[in-house]
C-alpha atoms as a PDB file:
ATOM      1  CA  MET A   1       3.530  10.700  67.845  1.00  0.00           C
ATOM      2  CA  PRO A   2       5.279  14.105  67.755  1.00  0.00           C
ATOM      3  CA  GLN A   3       8.252  14.420  65.381  1.00  0.00           C
ATOM      4  CA  LEU A   4      11.624  14.547  67.137  1.00  0.00           C
ATOM      5  CA  GLU A   5      13.595  17.767  66.761  1.00  0.00           C
ATOM      6  CA  ARG A   6      16.453  17.404  64.315  1.00  0.00           C
ATOM      7  CA  LEU A   7      19.988  17.218  65.712  1.00  0.00           C
ATOM      8  CA  LYS A   8      22.104  20.248  64.817  1.00  0.00           C
ATOM      9  CA  THR A   9      25.473  19.423  63.266  1.00  0.00           C
ATOM     10  CA  VAL A  10      28.626  21.274  62.188  1.00  0.00           C
ATOM     11  CA  ILE A  11      31.474  20.081  59.971  1.00  0.00           C
ATOM     12  CA  VAL A  12      35.094  21.126  60.537  1.00  0.00           C
ATOM     13  CA  GLY A  13      37.019  20.467  57.338  1.00  0.00           C
ATOM     14  CA  LEU A  14      35.276  20.465  53.946  1.00  0.00           C
ATOM     15  CA  GLY A  15      37.727  18.381  51.932  1.00  0.00           C
ATOM     16  CA  ARG A  16      37.165  14.837  50.719  1.00  0.00           C
ATOM     17  CA  ALA A  17      35.752  13.136  53.816  1.00  0.00           C
ATOM     18  CA  GLY A  18      33.992  16.301  54.905  1.00  0.00           C
ATOM     19  CA  SER A  19      32.055  16.705  51.646  1.00  0.00           C
ATOM     20  CA  ARG A  20      33.983  16.436  48.381  1.00  0.00           C
ATOM     21  CA  PHE A  21      34.274  12.655  47.994  1.00  0.00           C
ATOM     22  CA  ASP A  22      30.630  12.811  46.891  1.00  0.00           C
ATOM     23  CA  GLU A  23      31.644  14.932  43.885  1.00  0.00           C
ATOM     24  CA  GLU A  24      33.442  11.940  42.342  1.00  0.00           C
ATOM     25  CA  PRO A  25      31.259  10.571  39.512  1.00  0.00           C
ATOM     26  CA  ASP A  26      32.005   6.903  40.257  1.00  0.00           C
ATOM     27  CA  ARG A  27      30.874   7.069  43.899  1.00  0.00           C
ATOM     28  CA  GLY A  28      27.710   4.960  44.039  1.00  0.00           C
ATOM     29  CA  VAL A  29      26.936   5.590  47.703  1.00  0.00           C
ATOM     30  CA  VAL A  30      27.210   8.466  50.196  1.00  0.00           C
ATOM     31  CA  TRP A  31      30.890   8.971  50.999  1.00  0.00           C
ATOM     32  CA  SER A  32      31.193  12.031  53.243  1.00  0.00           C
ATOM     33  CA  HIS A  33      29.967  13.513  56.504  1.00  0.00           C
ATOM     34  CA  ALA A  34      27.982  16.189  54.682  1.00  0.00           C
ATOM     35  CA  GLY A  35      26.432  13.616  52.360  1.00  0.00           C
ATOM     36  CA  ALA A  36      25.414  11.400  55.263  1.00  0.00           C
ATOM     37  CA  TYR A  37      23.804  14.262  57.181  1.00  0.00           C
ATOM     38  CA  LEU A  38      21.937  15.373  54.050  1.00  0.00           C
ATOM     39  CA  ALA A  39      20.772  11.821  53.352  1.00  0.00           C
ATOM     40  CA  ARG A  40      19.379  11.665  56.888  1.00  0.00           C
ATOM     41  CA  ASP A  41      17.809  15.123  56.871  1.00  0.00           C
ATOM     42  CA  ASP A  42      14.846  13.844  58.884  1.00  0.00           C
ATOM     43  CA  ALA A  43      17.228  13.426  61.834  1.00  0.00           C
ATOM     44  CA  PHE A  44      20.007  15.990  61.199  1.00  0.00           C
ATOM     45  CA  GLU A  45      20.323  19.642  60.237  1.00  0.00           C
ATOM     46  CA  ILE A  46      23.711  21.058  59.201  1.00  0.00           C
ATOM     47  CA  VAL A  47      23.906  24.482  60.854  1.00  0.00           C
ATOM     48  CA  GLY A  48      27.514  25.408  60.112  1.00  0.00           C
ATOM     49  CA  ALA A  49      30.785  24.399  58.519  1.00  0.00           C
ATOM     50  CA  CYS A  50      34.312  25.748  58.248  1.00  0.00           C
ATOM     51  CA  ASP A  51      37.502  25.360  56.256  1.00  0.00           C
ATOM     52  CA  SER A  52      40.503  27.598  55.671  1.00  0.00           C
ATOM     53  CA  ASP A  53      40.516  26.682  51.964  1.00  0.00           C
ATOM     54  CA  ALA A  54      38.402  29.003  49.794  1.00  0.00           C
ATOM     55  CA  ASP A  55      37.757  26.372  47.099  1.00  0.00           C
ATOM     56  CA  ALA A  56      36.468  23.883  49.661  1.00  0.00           C
ATOM     57  CA  ARG A  57      34.187  26.535  51.181  1.00  0.00           C
ATOM     58  CA  ALA A  58      32.863  27.489  47.747  1.00  0.00           C
ATOM     59  CA  ALA A  59      32.141  23.877  46.782  1.00  0.00           C
ATOM     60  CA  PHE A  60      30.283  23.293  50.040  1.00  0.00           C
ATOM     61  CA  ALA A  61      28.339  26.536  49.658  1.00  0.00           C
ATOM     62  CA  ARG A  62      27.122  25.341  46.245  1.00  0.00           C
ATOM     63  CA  ARG A  63      26.025  22.067  47.808  1.00  0.00           C
ATOM     64  CA  CYS A  64      24.447  23.582  50.928  1.00  0.00           C
ATOM     65  CA  PRO A  65      23.573  27.212  50.082  1.00  0.00           C
ATOM     66  CA  ASP A  66      21.504  27.719  53.230  1.00  0.00           C
ATOM     67  CA  VAL A  67      24.279  26.666  55.653  1.00  0.00           C
ATOM     68  CA  ALA A  68      26.588  29.235  57.273  1.00  0.00           C
ATOM     69  CA  VAL A  69      30.179  28.655  56.124  1.00  0.00           C
ATOM     70  CA  PHE A  70      33.110  30.102  58.088  1.00  0.00           C
ATOM     71  CA  ASP A  71      36.796  30.462  57.286  1.00  0.00           C
ATOM     72  CA  SER A  72      37.921  29.913  60.895  1.00  0.00           C
ATOM     73  CA  LEU A  73      37.138  27.510  63.684  1.00  0.00           C
ATOM     74  CA  ASP A  74      36.745  30.346  66.187  1.00  0.00           C
ATOM     75  CA  ASP A  75      34.015  31.929  64.051  1.00  0.00           C
ATOM     76  CA  LEU A  76      32.218  28.578  63.768  1.00  0.00           C
ATOM     77  CA  ILE A  77      32.327  28.143  67.544  1.00  0.00           C
ATOM     78  CA  GLN A  78      30.990  31.647  68.102  1.00  0.00           C
ATOM     79  CA  GLY A  79      28.293  31.374  65.440  1.00  0.00           C
ATOM     80  CA  THR A  80      26.672  27.979  66.095  1.00  0.00           C
ATOM     81  CA  ARG A  81      25.243  25.802  68.870  1.00  0.00           C
ATOM     82  CA  PRO A  82      25.498  22.219  67.585  1.00  0.00           C
ATOM     83  CA  ASP A  83      24.625  18.884  69.130  1.00  0.00           C
ATOM     84  CA  ILE A  84      27.081  17.048  66.852  1.00  0.00           C
ATOM     85  CA  ALA A  85      30.461  18.103  65.437  1.00  0.00           C
ATOM     86  CA  SER A  86      32.345  16.322  62.655  1.00  0.00           C
ATOM     87  CA  ILE A  87      36.146  16.574  62.532  1.00  0.00           C
ATOM     88  CA  CYS A  88      37.309  16.022  58.941  1.00  0.00           C
ATOM     89  CA  THR A  89      40.624  17.883  58.911  1.00  0.00           C
ATOM     90  CA  PRO A  90      44.036  16.161  58.461  1.00  0.00           C
ATOM     91  CA  GLU A  91      44.878  13.927  61.428  1.00  0.00           C
ATOM     92  CA  GLU A  92      47.671  16.163  62.679  1.00  0.00           C
ATOM     93  CA  SER A  93      45.046  18.787  63.569  1.00  0.00           C
ATOM     94  CA  HIS A  94      42.374  16.499  65.069  1.00  0.00           C
ATOM     95  CA  ALA A  95      43.444  16.997  68.679  1.00  0.00           C
ATOM     96  CA  LEU A  96      43.659  20.778  68.370  1.00  0.00           C
ATOM     97  CA  VAL A  97      40.227  20.967  66.729  1.00  0.00           C
ATOM     98  CA  LEU A  98      38.629  18.709  69.321  1.00  0.00           C
ATOM     99  CA  HIS A  99      39.945  20.665  72.293  1.00  0.00           C
ATOM    100  CA  HIS A 100      38.553  23.862  70.738  1.00  0.00           C
ATOM    101  CA  ILE A 101      35.098  22.525  69.871  1.00  0.00           C
ATOM    102  CA  LEU A 102      34.656  21.093  73.359  1.00  0.00           C
ATOM    103  CA  ASN A 103      34.106  24.728  74.358  1.00  0.00           C
ATOM    104  CA  MET A 104      30.673  24.464  72.694  1.00  0.00           C
ATOM    105  CA  ALA A 105      28.346  23.951  75.659  1.00  0.00           C
ATOM    106  CA  SER A 106      25.636  22.333  73.523  1.00  0.00           C
ATOM    107  CA  LEU A 107      27.939  19.621  72.133  1.00  0.00           C
ATOM    108  CA  GLN A 108      26.904  15.999  72.786  1.00  0.00           C
ATOM    109  CA  THR A 109      28.840  13.914  70.240  1.00  0.00           C
ATOM    110  CA  VAL A 110      32.049  14.276  68.211  1.00  0.00           C
ATOM    111  CA  TRP A 111      32.385  12.268  65.006  1.00  0.00           C
ATOM    112  CA  CYS A 112      36.094  12.156  64.092  1.00  0.00           C
ATOM    113  CA  GLU A 113      37.722  10.850  60.943  1.00  0.00           C
ATOM    114  CA  LYS A 114      40.414   8.192  61.234  1.00  0.00           C
ATOM    115  CA  PRO A 115      43.144   7.898  62.292  1.00  0.00           C
ATOM    116  CA  MET A 116      41.958   9.622  65.435  1.00  0.00           C
ATOM    117  CA  ALA A 117      45.177  11.560  66.054  1.00  0.00           C
ATOM    118  CA  ALA A 118      48.755  12.078  64.932  1.00  0.00           C
ATOM    119  CA  SER A 119      50.111  10.317  68.019  1.00  0.00           C
ATOM    120  CA  LEU A 120      49.011   8.038  70.820  1.00  0.00           C
ATOM    121  CA  ALA A 121      49.510  10.811  73.382  1.00  0.00           C
ATOM    122  CA  GLU A 122      47.269  13.189  71.436  1.00  0.00           C
ATOM    123  CA  GLY A 123      44.656  10.468  71.042  1.00  0.00           C
ATOM    124  CA  GLN A 124      44.667   9.725  74.768  1.00  0.00           C
ATOM    125  CA  GLY A 125      44.231  13.431  75.442  1.00  0.00           C
ATOM    126  CA  MET A 126      41.217  13.518  73.117  1.00  0.00           C
ATOM    127  CA  VAL A 127      39.587  10.545  74.842  1.00  0.00           C
ATOM    128  CA  ASP A 128      40.225  12.020  78.288  1.00  0.00           C
ATOM    129  CA  ALA A 129      38.890  15.455  77.283  1.00  0.00           C
ATOM    130  CA  CYS A 130      35.667  13.980  75.882  1.00  0.00           C
ATOM    131  CA  ALA A 131      35.186  11.899  79.025  1.00  0.00           C
ATOM    132  CA  ALA A 132      35.692  14.958  81.226  1.00  0.00           C
ATOM    133  CA  ARG A 133      32.988  16.826  79.278  1.00  0.00           C
ATOM    134  CA  ASP A 134      30.699  13.752  79.013  1.00  0.00           C
ATOM    135  CA  VAL A 135      30.812  14.049  75.214  1.00  0.00           C
ATOM    136  CA  ARG A 136      30.642  10.889  73.083  1.00  0.00           C
ATOM    137  CA  LEU A 137      33.518  10.223  70.683  1.00  0.00           C
ATOM    138  CA  VAL A 138      32.833   8.180  67.533  1.00  0.00           C
ATOM    139  CA  VAL A 139      35.773   7.421  65.198  1.00  0.00           C
ATOM    140  CA  SER A 140      35.342   6.598  61.485  1.00  0.00           C
ATOM    141  CA  HIS A 141      37.110   3.263  61.179  1.00  0.00           C
ATOM    142  CA  GLY A 142      34.419   2.525  58.635  1.00  0.00           C
ATOM    143  CA  ARG A 143      34.742  -1.205  58.096  1.00  0.00           C
ATOM    144  CA  ARG A 144      33.347  -1.827  61.565  1.00  0.00           C
ATOM    145  CA  TRP A 145      29.967  -0.714  60.173  1.00  0.00           C
ATOM    146  CA  LEU A 146      30.047  -2.751  56.944  1.00  0.00           C
ATOM    147  CA  PRO A 147      27.822  -5.871  56.735  1.00  0.00           C
ATOM    148  CA  LEU A 148      30.611  -7.979  55.187  1.00  0.00           C
ATOM    149  CA  TRP A 149      32.975  -7.492  58.123  1.00  0.00           C
ATOM    150  CA  GLN A 150      30.277  -7.575  60.773  1.00  0.00           C
ATOM    151  CA  ARG A 151      29.213 -11.003  59.460  1.00  0.00           C
ATOM    152  CA  PHE A 152      32.838 -12.224  59.286  1.00  0.00           C
ATOM    153  CA  SER A 153      33.291 -11.177  62.924  1.00  0.00           C
ATOM    154  CA  GLN A 154      30.086 -12.928  63.961  1.00  0.00           C
ATOM    155  CA  MET A 155      31.142 -16.147  62.253  1.00  0.00           C
ATOM    156  CA  LEU A 156      34.486 -16.137  64.057  1.00  0.00           C
ATOM    157  CA  ALA A 157      32.782 -15.471  67.399  1.00  0.00           C
ATOM    158  CA  GLN A 158      30.352 -18.335  66.746  1.00  0.00           C
ATOM    159  CA  GLY A 159      33.229 -20.785  66.194  1.00  0.00           C
ATOM    160  CA  ALA A 160      33.134 -21.103  62.403  1.00  0.00           C
ATOM    161  CA  VAL A 161      36.854 -22.019  62.330  1.00  0.00           C
ATOM    162  CA  GLY A 162      37.205 -23.236  65.908  1.00  0.00           C
ATOM    163  CA  PRO A 163      39.922 -21.666  68.076  1.00  0.00           C
ATOM    164  CA  LEU A 164      41.685 -19.046  65.945  1.00  0.00           C
ATOM    165  CA  VAL A 165      45.282 -19.831  64.955  1.00  0.00           C
ATOM    166  CA  SER A 166      46.076 -17.064  62.471  1.00  0.00           C
ATOM    167  CA  LEU A 167      44.504 -14.014  60.872  1.00  0.00           C
ATOM    168  CA  ARG A 168      45.794 -12.353  57.704  1.00  0.00           C
ATOM    169  CA  ILE A 169      44.589  -8.916  56.636  1.00  0.00           C
ATOM    170  CA  ALA A 170      45.626  -7.854  53.132  1.00  0.00           C
ATOM    171  CA  MET A 171      45.486  -4.215  51.947  1.00  0.00           C
ATOM    172  CA  PRO A 172      47.664  -1.841  49.888  1.00  0.00           C
ATOM    173  CA  ASN A 173      50.392   0.488  51.166  1.00  0.00           C
ATOM    174  CA  ARG A 174      50.378   3.787  53.131  1.00  0.00           C
ATOM    175  CA  LEU A 175      50.565   3.263  56.892  1.00  0.00           C
ATOM    176  CA  TRP A 176      48.238   5.996  58.109  1.00  0.00           C
ATOM    177  CA  SER A 177      45.795   6.241  55.193  1.00  0.00           C
ATOM    178  CA  VAL A 178      45.156   2.547  54.529  1.00  0.00           C
ATOM    179  CA  THR A 179      47.084   0.265  56.885  1.00  0.00           C
ATOM    180  CA  SER A 180      45.153   1.946  59.695  1.00  0.00           C
ATOM    181  CA  HIS A 181      42.083   0.225  58.204  1.00  0.00           C
ATOM    182  CA  ALA A 182      43.917  -3.112  58.169  1.00  0.00           C
ATOM    183  CA  VAL A 183      45.043  -2.830  61.781  1.00  0.00           C
ATOM    184  CA  ASP A 184      41.623  -1.758  63.014  1.00  0.00           C
ATOM    185  CA  LEU A 185      40.019  -4.662  61.148  1.00  0.00           C
ATOM    186  CA  ALA A 186      42.504  -7.096  62.724  1.00  0.00           C
ATOM    187  CA  LEU A 187      41.614  -5.822  66.206  1.00  0.00           C
ATOM    188  CA  MET A 188      37.894  -5.944  65.424  1.00  0.00           C
ATOM    189  CA  LEU A 189      38.187  -9.598  64.350  1.00  0.00           C
ATOM    190  CA  ALA A 190      40.784 -11.003  66.771  1.00  0.00           C
ATOM    191  CA  GLY A 191      40.843  -8.715  69.790  1.00  0.00           C
ATOM    192  CA  PRO A 192      43.682  -6.974  71.649  1.00  0.00           C
ATOM    193  CA  VAL A 193      47.307  -7.218  70.550  1.00  0.00           C
ATOM    194  CA  SER A 194      50.160  -8.003  72.947  1.00  0.00           C
ATOM    195  CA  ALA A 195      53.175  -7.699  70.606  1.00  0.00           C
ATOM    196  CA  VAL A 196      53.999  -6.094  67.254  1.00  0.00           C
ATOM    197  CA  GLN A 197      56.903  -6.526  64.840  1.00  0.00           C
ATOM    198  CA  SER A 198      56.891  -4.507  61.632  1.00  0.00           C
ATOM    199  CA  PHE A 199      58.978  -4.604  58.476  1.00  0.00           C
ATOM    200  CA  ASP A 200      59.886  -1.680  56.221  1.00  0.00           C
ATOM    201  CA  LEU A 201      58.877  -1.926  52.563  1.00  0.00           C
ATOM    202  CA  ALA A 202      60.664   1.119  51.163  1.00  0.00           C
ATOM    203  CA  GLU A 203      59.935   0.138  47.563  1.00  0.00           C
ATOM    204  CA  LEU A 204      56.190   0.485  48.256  1.00  0.00           C
ATOM    205  CA  GLU A 205      56.281   3.903  49.948  1.00  0.00           C
ATOM    206  CA  GLN A 206      53.899   6.396  48.363  1.00  0.00           C
ATOM    207  CA  ASP A 207      52.403   9.851  49.020  1.00  0.00           C
ATOM    208  CA  GLU A 208      55.074  10.545  51.664  1.00  0.00           C
ATOM    209  CA  GLU A 209      53.740   7.691  53.841  1.00  0.00           C
ATOM    210  CA  PRO A 210      55.739   4.622  54.849  1.00  0.00           C
ATOM    211  CA  ALA A 211      54.741   1.122  53.799  1.00  0.00           C
ATOM    212  CA  LYS A 212      54.927  -1.382  56.650  1.00  0.00           C
ATOM    213  CA  ALA A 213      54.051  -5.055  56.895  1.00  0.00           C
ATOM    214  CA  ALA A 214      53.723  -6.576  60.367  1.00  0.00           C
ATOM    215  CA  PHE A 215      53.338  -9.646  62.528  1.00  0.00           C
ATOM    216  CA  LEU A 216      50.931  -9.291  65.447  1.00  0.00           C
ATOM    217  CA  ARG A 217      50.545 -11.442  68.525  1.00  0.00           C
ATOM    218  CA  PHE A 218      47.006 -11.366  69.911  1.00  0.00           C
ATOM    219  CA  ARG A 219      46.314 -11.815  73.601  1.00  0.00           C
ATOM    220  CA  SER A 220      44.166 -14.824  72.695  1.00  0.00           C
ATOM    221  CA  GLY A 221      47.331 -16.669  71.591  1.00  0.00           C
ATOM    222  CA  ALA A 222      46.573 -16.367  67.873  1.00  0.00           C
ATOM    223  CA  TYR A 223      48.917 -14.470  65.595  1.00  0.00           C
ATOM    224  CA  GLY A 224      48.229 -12.051  62.763  1.00  0.00           C
ATOM    225  CA  ILE A 225      49.799 -10.822  59.556  1.00  0.00           C
ATOM    226  CA  ILE A 226      49.321  -7.347  58.118  1.00  0.00           C
ATOM    227  CA  GLN A 227      50.075  -8.044  54.471  1.00  0.00           C
ATOM    228  CA  ILE A 228      50.874  -5.101  52.186  1.00  0.00           C
ATOM    229  CA  THR A 229      49.679  -6.051  48.707  1.00  0.00           C
ATOM    230  CA  GLY A 230      51.261  -3.317  46.603  1.00  0.00           C
ATOM    231  CA  LYS A 231      50.760   0.342  45.725  1.00  0.00           C
ATOM    232  CA  LYS A 232      47.457   2.143  46.208  1.00  0.00           C
ATOM    233  CA  ASN A 233      46.036   1.748  42.698  1.00  0.00           C
ATOM    234  CA  ALA A 234      45.933  -2.066  43.083  1.00  0.00           C
ATOM    235  CA  LEU A 235      43.046  -2.156  45.555  1.00  0.00           C
ATOM    236  CA  LEU A 236      43.040  -5.616  47.113  1.00  0.00           C
ATOM    237  CA  VAL A 237      41.265  -6.031  50.459  1.00  0.00           C
ATOM    238  CA  GLU A 238      40.720  -9.428  52.033  1.00  0.00           C
ATOM    239  CA  ALA A 239      40.942 -11.357  55.277  1.00  0.00           C
ATOM    240  CA  GLU A 240      41.808 -14.985  55.960  1.00  0.00           C
ATOM    241  CA  ALA A 241      41.129 -16.601  59.339  1.00  0.00           C
ATOM    242  CA  ILE A 242      42.460 -20.113  60.013  1.00  0.00           C
ATOM    243  CA  GLY A 243      41.510 -22.166  63.033  1.00  0.00           C
ATOM    244  CA  ALA A 244      41.520 -25.748  64.239  1.00  0.00           C
ATOM    245  CA  ALA A 245      38.245 -26.480  62.420  1.00  0.00           C
ATOM    246  CA  GLY A 246      38.731 -24.679  59.107  1.00  0.00           C
ATOM    247  CA  ARG A 247      39.144 -21.402  57.284  1.00  0.00           C
ATOM    248  CA  LEU A 248      37.154 -18.268  56.406  1.00  0.00           C
ATOM    249  CA  VAL A 249      38.169 -16.010  53.520  1.00  0.00           C
ATOM    250  CA  ALA A 250      36.508 -12.632  52.906  1.00  0.00           C
ATOM    251  CA  ASN A 251      36.971 -10.745  49.640  1.00  0.00           C
ATOM    252  CA  GLU A 252      35.773  -7.151  49.907  1.00  0.00           C
ATOM    253  CA  SER A 253      35.658  -6.478  46.155  1.00  0.00           C
ATOM    254  CA  ALA A 254      33.366  -9.468  45.583  1.00  0.00           C
ATOM    255  CA  SER A 255      31.526  -8.950  48.909  1.00  0.00           C
ATOM    256  CA  THR A 256      31.900 -12.667  49.644  1.00  0.00           C
ATOM    257  CA  ILE A 257      32.795 -14.910  52.567  1.00  0.00           C
ATOM    258  CA  ARG A 258      33.937 -18.435  51.728  1.00  0.00           C
ATOM    259  CA  GLN A 259      33.795 -21.061  54.488  1.00  0.00           C
ATOM    260  CA  GLU A 260      35.963 -24.185  54.410  1.00  0.00           C
ATOM    261  CA  ARG A 261      36.168 -27.082  56.882  1.00  0.00           C
ATOM    262  CA  PHE A 262      38.947 -29.536  57.622  1.00  0.00           C
ATOM    263  CA  VAL A 263      37.919 -33.049  56.556  1.00  0.00           C
ATOM    264  CA  LYS A 264      39.770 -36.376  56.458  1.00  0.00           C
ATOM    265  CA  SER A 265      42.300 -36.375  53.636  1.00  0.00           C
ATOM    266  CA  GLU A 266      41.859 -38.942  50.903  1.00  0.00           C
ATOM    267  CA  ASN A 267      45.450 -38.428  49.807  1.00  0.00           C
ATOM    268  CA  PHE A 268      47.526 -38.333  52.996  1.00  0.00           C
ATOM    269  CA  ALA A 269      46.899 -40.786  55.832  1.00  0.00           C
ATOM    270  CA  GLY A 270      46.487 -39.131  59.214  1.00  0.00           C
ATOM    271  CA  TYR A 271      45.968 -35.644  57.740  1.00  0.00           C
ATOM    272  CA  GLN A 272      43.046 -33.344  57.096  1.00  0.00           C
ATOM    273  CA  GLU A 273      42.429 -31.101  54.106  1.00  0.00           C
ATOM    274  CA  LEU A 274      40.135 -28.166  53.482  1.00  0.00           C
ATOM    275  CA  ALA A 275      36.803 -28.660  51.738  1.00  0.00           C
ATOM    276  CA  VAL A 276      34.540 -25.791  50.691  1.00  0.00           C
ATOM    277  CA  GLU A 277      31.301 -25.656  52.683  1.00  0.00           C
ATOM    278  CA  GLY A 278      29.794 -22.643  50.981  1.00  0.00           C
ATOM    279  CA  GLU A 279      30.062 -19.008  50.001  1.00  0.00           C
ATOM    280  CA  THR A 280      27.773 -16.155  50.993  1.00  0.00           C
ATOM    281  CA  GLN A 281      27.482 -12.561  49.798  1.00  0.00           C
ATOM    282  CA  HIS A 282      27.180  -9.465  51.973  1.00  0.00           C
ATOM    283  CA  GLY A 283      27.129  -5.709  51.469  1.00  0.00           C
ATOM    284  CA  SER A 284      30.495  -3.989  51.054  1.00  0.00           C
ATOM    285  CA  LEU A 285      31.882  -0.567  50.191  1.00  0.00           C
ATOM    286  CA  SER A 286      30.225  -0.451  46.763  1.00  0.00           C
ATOM    287  CA  ASP A 287      26.687  -0.769  48.092  1.00  0.00           C
ATOM    288  CA  SER A 288      26.842   0.116  51.799  1.00  0.00           C
ATOM    289  CA  SER A 289      27.657   3.580  53.113  1.00  0.00           C
ATOM    290  CA  HIS A 290      29.403   3.436  56.461  1.00  0.00           C
ATOM    291  CA  PHE A 291      28.952   7.213  56.654  1.00  0.00           C
ATOM    292  CA  SER A 292      25.171   6.781  56.633  1.00  0.00           C
ATOM    293  CA  ALA A 293      25.422   3.890  59.096  1.00  0.00           C
ATOM    294  CA  ILE A 294      27.444   6.075  61.477  1.00  0.00           C
ATOM    295  CA  CYS A 295      24.816   8.815  61.174  1.00  0.00           C
ATOM    296  CA  ASP A 296      22.110   6.334  62.140  1.00  0.00           C
ATOM    297  CA  GLU A 297      24.166   5.234  65.138  1.00  0.00           C
ATOM    298  CA  ILE A 298      24.775   8.809  66.289  1.00  0.00           C
ATOM    299  CA  ALA A 299      21.035   9.509  66.152  1.00  0.00           C
ATOM    300  CA  ALA A 300      20.400   6.376  68.209  1.00  0.00           C
ATOM    301  CA  LEU A 301      23.152   7.264  70.690  1.00  0.00           C
ATOM    302  CA  THR A 302      21.518  10.636  71.291  1.00  0.00           C
ATOM    303  CA  ARG A 303      18.051   9.216  71.819  1.00  0.00           C
ATOM    304  CA  GLN A 304      18.753   5.779  73.303  1.00  0.00           C
ATOM    305  CA  THR A 305      21.333   5.763  76.088  1.00  0.00           C
ATOM    306  CA  ASP A 306      21.886   1.989  75.863  1.00  0.00           C
ATOM    307  CA  THR A 307      23.219   2.135  72.276  1.00  0.00           C
ATOM    308  CA  LYS A 308      26.842   0.959  72.040  1.00  0.00           C
ATOM    309  CA  ILE A 309      29.426   2.913  70.060  1.00  0.00           C
ATOM    310  CA  THR A 310      30.737   0.675  67.274  1.00  0.00           C
ATOM    311  CA  CYS A 311      34.140   2.391  67.199  1.00  0.00           C
ATOM    312  CA  SER A 312      34.803   4.438  70.318  1.00  0.00           C
ATOM    313  CA  GLY A 313      37.792   6.503  71.334  1.00  0.00           C
ATOM    314  CA  ALA A 314      39.111   3.497  73.264  1.00  0.00           C
ATOM    315  CA  ASP A 315      38.859   1.324  70.122  1.00  0.00           C
ATOM    316  CA  ALA A 316      40.679   3.966  68.078  1.00  0.00           C
ATOM    317  CA  LEU A 317      43.402   4.230  70.735  1.00  0.00           C
ATOM    318  CA  ALA A 318      44.066   0.493  70.491  1.00  0.00           C
ATOM    319  CA  THR A 319      44.515   0.853  66.725  1.00  0.00           C
ATOM    320  CA  GLN A 320      46.719   3.933  67.200  1.00  0.00           C
ATOM    321  CA  ARG A 321      48.935   2.014  69.614  1.00  0.00           C
ATOM    322  CA  VAL A 322      49.600  -0.741  67.057  1.00  0.00           C
ATOM    323  CA  LEU A 323      50.209   1.794  64.265  1.00  0.00           C
ATOM    324  CA  GLU A 324      52.813   3.590  66.357  1.00  0.00           C
ATOM    325  CA  GLU A 325      54.514   0.294  67.196  1.00  0.00           C
ATOM    326  CA  MET A 326      54.624  -0.415  63.469  1.00  0.00           C
ATOM    327  CA  ALA A 327      55.933   3.048  62.645  1.00  0.00           C
ATOM    328  CA  HIS A 328      58.757   2.986  65.182  1.00  0.00           C
ATOM    329  CA  GLY A 329      59.519  -0.703  65.613  1.00  0.00           C
ATOM    330  CA  GLY A 330      60.267  -1.804  62.086  1.00  0.00           C
ATOM    331  CA  ILE A 331      63.104  -3.933  60.765  1.00  0.00           C
ATOM    332  CA  ALA A 332      64.798  -2.611  57.628  1.00  0.00           C
ATOM    333  CA  ALA A 333      65.545  -4.836  54.672  1.00  0.00           C
ATOM    334  CA  ALA A 334      69.102  -5.443  55.876  1.00  0.00           C
ATOM    335  CA  GLY A 335      67.804  -6.652  59.234  1.00  0.00           C
ATOM    336  CA  ALA A 336      69.040  -3.723  61.316  1.00  0.00           C
ATOM    337  CA  ARG A 337      66.560  -2.389  63.848  1.00  0.00           C
ATOM    338  CA  GLN A 338      65.530   1.224  63.307  1.00  0.00           C
ATOM    339  CA  SER A 339      65.884   3.789  66.042  1.00  0.00           C
ATOM    340  CA  ALA A 340      62.564   4.808  67.568  1.00  0.00           C
END
């Protein structure tokens, strides 16, 4: 069988997600777009990259000495003909970058870091522009690719807790950097949201980002809690789903899912209590690279038209919508509603 031609890729933005996360000594798995492409060099060839920062360009040049590195997006567009483009710049520039790179006639797929855009309107414009050009848009809400959360989602869909009553997602502060993960995970597990009420946690603000807890109402009738667990150094990530038949609890640090069922209480007549049925272990962030998984999916999308995008532009828009409701619809500690 003849070997398939490698897909040509470019990377816009050579900071942490673009390449430099892999420089951290404690990273046990691939943690950047560049790293993922290099790890899948049988399927991908990086043909260009750009960043306005000289240090970022120099670090990438040391890593990939044979790849053309540009200091401007216009030069990258003029100098390359990619199949795939990664957008790894700050979110406030995602829309601008995307509209520029869509001028590349060869482009088939855009892989964009999360959150997709700085606003819902910009995100909608990105989705519409990709659709008009028939270019796929894949957004890096990475937990959708992790085995732990994929299994948790499957168990809920298969009725492990019965009809869902409540879903709690617990993560640290910072609305756009981290709570975006929490919101996307809630939507992945429980489906569309019909109402949002957020609460300001000014004492947990950090890195010039707000801290916001929230109640969500899902269209299914279940409700959700976005629980802010503290500041960023205390990394606690878990989910708890409660239904008529029992409870599931996922702990990302331990890579475990614990299943409990309601059984007849021996202590309270007419009541049920939870009993542990078992605990299973699944891959998580420490041993599963969602960057590499996304690369594999992009290769499949290019060569198999029936492959489904795990996190599409439409999925990212749904997350963006909830984040904006949280940002502008919060209740301050005194109970007064903020102006939008």
